[in-house]
Amino acid sequence: MTAGILAAGGYQANKVQSTSALHAIEFNFIWIPIVGFAIAAIALMFYKADKQEKMYLVELAERNAKLKSEE
């Protein structure tokens, strides 16, 4: 993906870069990561880890109590 974006922008190694190549570099290394992090942050907002953790802790306590009563 990175190589494709740079190639589309006209990037040439070891040469002075054109304006379109500089925009491709900016897009590739600034804007794509920002969009990726934003998508991940939005996805994490919908992840209900706190509720699941409480449920898991209650279940583990019940299992431990059951194991202790069997001893």
N, C-alpha and C. Protein backbone atom coordinates (compact mmCIF):
# COMPACT_ATOMS: atom_id res chain seq x y z
N MET A 1 0.83 -1.18 0.00
CA MET A 1 0.00 0.00 0.00
C MET A 1 0.88 1.26 0.00
N THR A 2 1.88 1.26 0.86
CA THR A 2 2.77 2.41 0.93
C THR A 2 3.48 2.64 -0.40
N ALA A 3 4.00 1.59 -0.97
CA ALA A 3 4.72 1.72 -2.23
C ALA A 3 3.79 2.20 -3.34
N GLY A 4 2.56 1.72 -3.34
CA GLY A 4 1.60 2.13 -4.36
C GLY A 4 1.26 3.61 -4.26
N ILE A 5 1.09 4.09 -3.05
CA ILE A 5 0.78 5.52 -2.86
C ILE A 5 1.96 6.38 -3.29
N LEU A 6 3.16 5.98 -2.89
CA LEU A 6 4.34 6.75 -3.28
C LEU A 6 4.55 6.72 -4.79
N ALA A 7 4.33 5.56 -5.40
CA ALA A 7 4.49 5.45 -6.85
C ALA A 7 3.46 6.32 -7.57
N ALA A 8 2.23 6.32 -7.07
CA ALA A 8 1.19 7.15 -7.68
C ALA A 8 1.52 8.63 -7.56
N GLY A 9 2.23 9.00 -6.51
CA GLY A 9 2.63 10.39 -6.32
C GLY A 9 3.87 10.78 -7.10
N GLY A 10 4.50 9.81 -7.74
CA GLY A 10 5.69 10.11 -8.54
C GLY A 10 6.98 10.13 -7.75
N TYR A 11 7.02 9.43 -6.62
CA TYR A 11 8.23 9.39 -5.78
C TYR A 11 9.37 8.71 -6.54
N GLN A 12 10.56 9.29 -6.45
CA GLN A 12 11.77 8.69 -7.02
C GLN A 12 12.86 8.78 -5.97
N ALA A 13 13.44 7.65 -5.66
CA ALA A 13 14.46 7.58 -4.61
C ALA A 13 15.70 8.39 -4.99
N ASN A 14 16.31 9.00 -4.00
CA ASN A 14 17.57 9.74 -4.14
C ASN A 14 17.50 10.89 -5.15
N LYS A 15 16.32 11.49 -5.26
CA LYS A 15 16.16 12.65 -6.14
C LYS A 15 15.34 13.71 -5.42
N VAL A 16 15.38 14.91 -5.90
CA VAL A 16 14.54 15.97 -5.36
C VAL A 16 13.09 15.61 -5.70
N GLN A 17 12.23 15.66 -4.70
CA GLN A 17 10.85 15.20 -4.89
C GLN A 17 9.95 16.31 -5.43
N SER A 18 9.03 15.90 -6.28
CA SER A 18 8.05 16.84 -6.82
C SER A 18 7.00 17.14 -5.76
N THR A 19 6.16 18.11 -6.03
CA THR A 19 5.09 18.47 -5.10
C THR A 19 4.14 17.32 -4.88
N SER A 20 3.80 16.61 -5.96
CA SER A 20 2.88 15.48 -5.82
C SER A 20 3.51 14.35 -5.00
N ALA A 21 4.82 14.15 -5.14
CA ALA A 21 5.50 13.13 -4.33
C ALA A 21 5.51 13.52 -2.86
N LEU A 22 5.72 14.81 -2.59
CA LEU A 22 5.70 15.27 -1.20
C LEU A 22 4.30 15.13 -0.60
N HIS A 23 3.27 15.38 -1.39
CA HIS A 23 1.89 15.18 -0.90
C HIS A 23 1.62 13.70 -0.65
N ALA A 24 2.15 12.83 -1.51
CA ALA A 24 1.98 11.38 -1.31
C ALA A 24 2.67 10.94 -0.02
N ILE A 25 3.86 11.47 0.24
CA ILE A 25 4.59 11.15 1.48
C ILE A 25 3.78 11.62 2.69
N GLU A 26 3.27 12.85 2.62
CA GLU A 26 2.47 13.39 3.72
C GLU A 26 1.22 12.54 3.96
N PHE A 27 0.53 12.20 2.89
CA PHE A 27 -0.68 11.40 3.00
C PHE A 27 -0.36 10.03 3.60
N ASN A 28 0.72 9.45 3.14
CA ASN A 28 1.10 8.09 3.53
C ASN A 28 1.54 8.00 4.99
N PHE A 29 2.26 8.97 5.47
CA PHE A 29 2.86 8.86 6.79
C PHE A 29 2.21 9.76 7.85
N ILE A 30 1.25 10.58 7.45
CA ILE A 30 0.53 11.40 8.42
C ILE A 30 -0.95 11.06 8.44
N TRP A 31 -1.59 11.18 7.28
CA TRP A 31 -3.05 11.06 7.26
C TRP A 31 -3.56 9.63 7.39
N ILE A 32 -2.91 8.67 6.78
CA ILE A 32 -3.37 7.28 6.92
C ILE A 32 -3.26 6.82 8.38
N PRO A 33 -2.14 7.08 9.09
CA PRO A 33 -2.10 6.69 10.50
C PRO A 33 -3.15 7.41 11.36
N ILE A 34 -3.39 8.69 11.09
CA ILE A 34 -4.40 9.42 11.87
C ILE A 34 -5.78 8.79 11.68
N VAL A 35 -6.12 8.47 10.44
CA VAL A 35 -7.42 7.83 10.17
C VAL A 35 -7.49 6.46 10.84
N GLY A 36 -6.40 5.71 10.77
CA GLY A 36 -6.37 4.40 11.42
C GLY A 36 -6.56 4.48 12.92
N PHE A 37 -5.88 5.41 13.56
CA PHE A 37 -6.02 5.58 15.00
C PHE A 37 -7.43 6.04 15.36
N ALA A 38 -8.00 6.92 14.53
CA ALA A 38 -9.37 7.39 14.80
C ALA A 38 -10.37 6.23 14.70
N ILE A 39 -10.22 5.39 13.70
CA ILE A 39 -11.11 4.23 13.57
C ILE A 39 -10.95 3.31 14.77
N ALA A 40 -9.72 3.07 15.19
CA ALA A 40 -9.49 2.21 16.36
C ALA A 40 -10.08 2.82 17.63
N ALA A 41 -9.95 4.13 17.80
CA ALA A 41 -10.50 4.80 18.98
C ALA A 41 -12.02 4.70 19.01
N ILE A 42 -12.65 4.88 17.86
CA ILE A 42 -14.11 4.76 17.78
C ILE A 42 -14.54 3.33 18.09
N ALA A 43 -13.82 2.36 17.56
CA ALA A 43 -14.15 0.95 17.84
C ALA A 43 -14.00 0.64 19.33
N LEU A 44 -12.98 1.19 19.97
CA LEU A 44 -12.78 0.94 21.40
C LEU A 44 -13.85 1.59 22.27
N MET A 45 -14.47 2.65 21.77
CA MET A 45 -15.55 3.28 22.53
C MET A 45 -16.74 2.35 22.68
N PHE A 46 -16.92 1.42 21.74
CA PHE A 46 -18.04 0.50 21.78
C PHE A 46 -17.69 -0.81 22.48
N TYR A 47 -16.45 -0.98 22.90
CA TYR A 47 -16.02 -2.20 23.57
C TYR A 47 -16.37 -2.11 25.04
N LYS A 48 -17.15 -3.03 25.51
CA LYS A 48 -17.67 -2.98 26.88
C LYS A 48 -16.80 -3.83 27.82
N ALA A 49 -15.55 -3.46 27.95
CA ALA A 49 -14.60 -4.23 28.75
C ALA A 49 -14.94 -4.18 30.24
N ASP A 50 -15.42 -3.05 30.75
CA ASP A 50 -15.70 -2.94 32.17
C ASP A 50 -16.82 -3.89 32.60
N LYS A 51 -17.87 -3.96 31.82
CA LYS A 51 -18.97 -4.86 32.15
C LYS A 51 -18.52 -6.32 32.06
N GLN A 52 -17.73 -6.64 31.06
CA GLN A 52 -17.25 -8.01 30.90
C GLN A 52 -16.30 -8.38 32.03
N GLU A 53 -15.46 -7.46 32.45
CA GLU A 53 -14.52 -7.76 33.53
C GLU A 53 -15.27 -8.09 34.81
N LYS A 54 -16.31 -7.33 35.14
CA LYS A 54 -17.09 -7.61 36.33
C LYS A 54 -17.74 -8.98 36.25
N MET A 55 -18.27 -9.30 35.07
CA MET A 55 -18.90 -10.60 34.88
C MET A 55 -17.87 -11.73 35.06
N TYR A 56 -16.67 -11.55 34.50
CA TYR A 56 -15.63 -12.57 34.63
C TYR A 56 -15.18 -12.73 36.08
N LEU A 57 -15.06 -11.62 36.81
CA LEU A 57 -14.64 -11.70 38.20
C LEU A 57 -15.68 -12.43 39.05
N VAL A 58 -16.95 -12.17 38.81
CA VAL A 58 -18.01 -12.87 39.54
C VAL A 58 -17.97 -14.36 39.23
N GLU A 59 -17.81 -14.68 37.96
CA GLU A 59 -17.75 -16.09 37.57
C GLU A 59 -16.55 -16.80 38.19
N LEU A 60 -15.40 -16.14 38.22
CA LEU A 60 -14.21 -16.74 38.83
C LEU A 60 -14.40 -16.92 40.33
N ALA A 61 -15.02 -15.96 40.99
CA ALA A 61 -15.28 -16.09 42.42
C ALA A 61 -16.20 -17.28 42.69
N GLU A 62 -17.22 -17.46 41.85
CA GLU A 62 -18.13 -18.59 42.00
C GLU A 62 -17.39 -19.91 41.81
N ARG A 63 -16.53 -19.98 40.82
CA ARG A 63 -15.76 -21.20 40.57
C ARG A 63 -14.82 -21.50 41.74
N ASN A 64 -14.15 -20.46 42.25
CA ASN A 64 -13.25 -20.65 43.38
C ASN A 64 -14.02 -21.12 44.61
N ALA A 65 -15.18 -20.55 44.85
CA ALA A 65 -15.99 -20.95 46.00
C ALA A 65 -16.44 -22.40 45.85
N LYS A 66 -16.79 -22.79 44.64
CA LYS A 66 -17.22 -24.17 44.39
C LYS A 66 -16.06 -25.13 44.60
N LEU A 67 -14.85 -24.76 44.14
CA LEU A 67 -13.68 -25.63 44.33
C LEU A 67 -13.32 -25.75 45.80
N LYS A 68 -13.43 -24.67 46.56
CA LYS A 68 -13.12 -24.72 47.98
C LYS A 68 -14.14 -25.56 48.74
N SER A 69 -15.38 -25.53 48.33
CA SER A 69 -16.41 -26.32 49.01
C SER A 69 -16.28 -27.80 48.72
N GLU A 70 -15.67 -28.14 47.59
CA GLU A 70 -15.48 -29.55 47.22
C GLU A 70 -14.30 -30.16 47.97
N GLU A 71 -13.42 -29.36 48.52
CA GLU A 71 -12.23 -29.88 49.20
C GLU A 71 -12.53 -30.46 50.51
